[in-house]
């Protein structure tokens, strides 16, 4: 009779690698969404700054 120890079951390489794959996929999706949001916000910040320059309004940086 062969008895599998519980430790070998949940730390087996198959489960481990699958878990890492799932985590990597979700991390990549989240990071790509965050980067997209940054790109959009940067685009709008530049667009607003450009339109204000066109209208003769200058933004003053707070120090």
C-alpha atoms as a PDB file:
ATOM      1  CA  UNK A   1       0.000   0.000   0.000  1.00  0.00           C
ATOM      2  CA  UNK A   2       1.384   3.401  -1.000  1.00  0.00           C
ATOM      3  CA  UNK A   3       0.545   6.371   1.190  1.00  0.00           C
ATOM      4  CA  UNK A   4       1.039   9.844  -0.236  1.00  0.00           C
ATOM      5  CA  UNK A   5       1.968  12.442   2.291  1.00  0.00           C
ATOM      6  CA  UNK A   6      -0.131  15.626   2.191  1.00  0.00           C
ATOM      7  CA  UNK A   7       3.036  17.737   1.918  1.00  0.00           C
ATOM      8  CA  UNK A   8       3.959  16.141  -1.402  1.00  0.00           C
ATOM      9  CA  UNK A   9       0.453  16.719  -2.743  1.00  0.00           C
ATOM     10  CA  UNK A  10       0.228  20.453  -2.315  1.00  0.00           C
ATOM     11  CA  UNK A  11       3.899  21.265  -2.988  1.00  0.00           C
ATOM     12  CA  UNK A  12       4.147  19.077  -6.084  1.00  0.00           C
ATOM     13  CA  UNK A  13       5.828  20.799  -9.041  1.00  0.00           C
ATOM     14  CA  UNK A  14       2.678  20.492 -11.193  1.00  0.00           C
ATOM     15  CA  UNK A  15       0.533  22.442  -8.731  1.00  0.00           C
ATOM     16  CA  UNK A  16       3.321  24.914  -8.055  1.00  0.00           C
ATOM     17  CA  UNK A  17       3.991  25.751 -11.683  1.00  0.00           C
ATOM     18  CA  UNK A  18       0.283  26.062 -12.482  1.00  0.00           C
ATOM     19  CA  UNK A  19      -0.195  28.422  -9.557  1.00  0.00           C
ATOM     20  CA  UNK A  20       2.723  30.591 -10.680  1.00  0.00           C
ATOM     21  CA  UNK A  21       1.334  30.720 -14.206  1.00  0.00           C
ATOM     22  CA  UNK A  22      -2.031  31.935 -12.948  1.00  0.00           C
ATOM     23  CA  UNK A  23      -0.453  34.588 -10.735  1.00  0.00           C
ATOM     24  CA  UNK A  24       1.798  35.795 -13.571  1.00  0.00           C
ATOM     25  CA  UNK A  25      -1.170  36.120 -15.925  1.00  0.00           C
ATOM     26  CA  UNK A  26      -3.238  38.169 -13.502  1.00  0.00           C
ATOM     27  CA  UNK A  27      -0.247  40.362 -12.601  1.00  0.00           C
ATOM     28  CA  UNK A  28       0.391  41.070 -16.277  1.00  0.00           C
ATOM     29  CA  UNK A  29      -3.244  41.955 -16.891  1.00  0.00           C
ATOM     30  CA  UNK A  30      -3.340  44.272 -13.892  1.00  0.00           C
ATOM     31  CA  UNK A  31      -0.046  45.924 -14.856  1.00  0.00           C
ATOM     32  CA  UNK A  32      -1.166  46.466 -18.452  1.00  0.00           C
ATOM     33  CA  UNK A  33      -4.399  48.082 -17.235  1.00  0.00           C
ATOM     34  CA  UNK A  34      -2.470  50.359 -14.881  1.00  0.00           C
ATOM     35  CA  UNK A  35      -0.038  51.332 -17.646  1.00  0.00           C
ATOM     36  CA  UNK A  36      -2.956  52.065 -19.979  1.00  0.00           C
ATOM     37  CA  UNK A  37      -4.515  54.332 -17.349  1.00  0.00           C
ATOM     38  CA  UNK A  38      -1.197  56.162 -16.928  1.00  0.00           C
ATOM     39  CA  UNK A  39      -0.896  56.629 -20.698  1.00  0.00           C
ATOM     40  CA  UNK A  40      -4.446  57.995 -20.913  1.00  0.00           C
ATOM     41  CA  UNK A  41      -3.946  60.372 -17.977  1.00  0.00           C
ATOM     42  CA  UNK A  42      -0.608  61.587 -19.376  1.00  0.00           C
ATOM     43  CA  UNK A  43      -2.226  62.153 -22.767  1.00  0.00           C
ATOM     44  CA  UNK A  44      -5.016  64.233 -21.240  1.00  0.00           C
ATOM     45  CA  UNK A  45      -2.590  66.163 -19.031  1.00  0.00           C
ATOM     46  CA  UNK A  46      -0.528  67.084 -22.112  1.00  0.00           C
ATOM     47  CA  UNK A  47      -3.655  67.931 -24.126  1.00  0.00           C
ATOM     48  CA  UNK A  48      -5.015  70.193 -21.386  1.00  0.00           C
ATOM     49  CA  UNK A  49      -1.628  71.887 -20.954  1.00  0.00           C
ATOM     50  CA  UNK A  50      -1.380  72.465 -24.708  1.00  0.00           C
ATOM     51  CA  UNK A  51      -4.888  73.920 -24.932  1.00  0.00           C
ATOM     52  CA  UNK A  52      -4.172  76.236 -21.996  1.00  0.00           C
ATOM     53  CA  UNK A  53      -1.007  77.464 -23.725  1.00  0.00           C
ATOM     54  CA  UNK A  54      -3.069  78.163 -26.840  1.00  0.00           C
ATOM     55  CA  UNK A  55      -5.493  80.242 -24.785  1.00  0.00           C
ATOM     56  CA  UNK A  56      -2.653  82.118 -23.081  1.00  0.00           C
ATOM     57  CA  UNK A  57      -3.120  80.461 -19.677  1.00  0.00           C
ATOM     58  CA  UNK A  58       0.071  79.254 -18.005  1.00  0.00           C
ATOM     59  CA  UNK A  59       0.009  76.748 -15.165  1.00  0.00           C
ATOM     60  CA  UNK A  60       2.109  77.798 -12.185  1.00  0.00           C
ATOM     61  CA  UNK A  61       3.826  74.962 -10.335  1.00  0.00           C
ATOM     62  CA  UNK A  62       3.269  74.847  -6.605  1.00  0.00           C
ATOM     63  CA  UNK A  63       6.521  74.637  -4.678  1.00  0.00           C
END
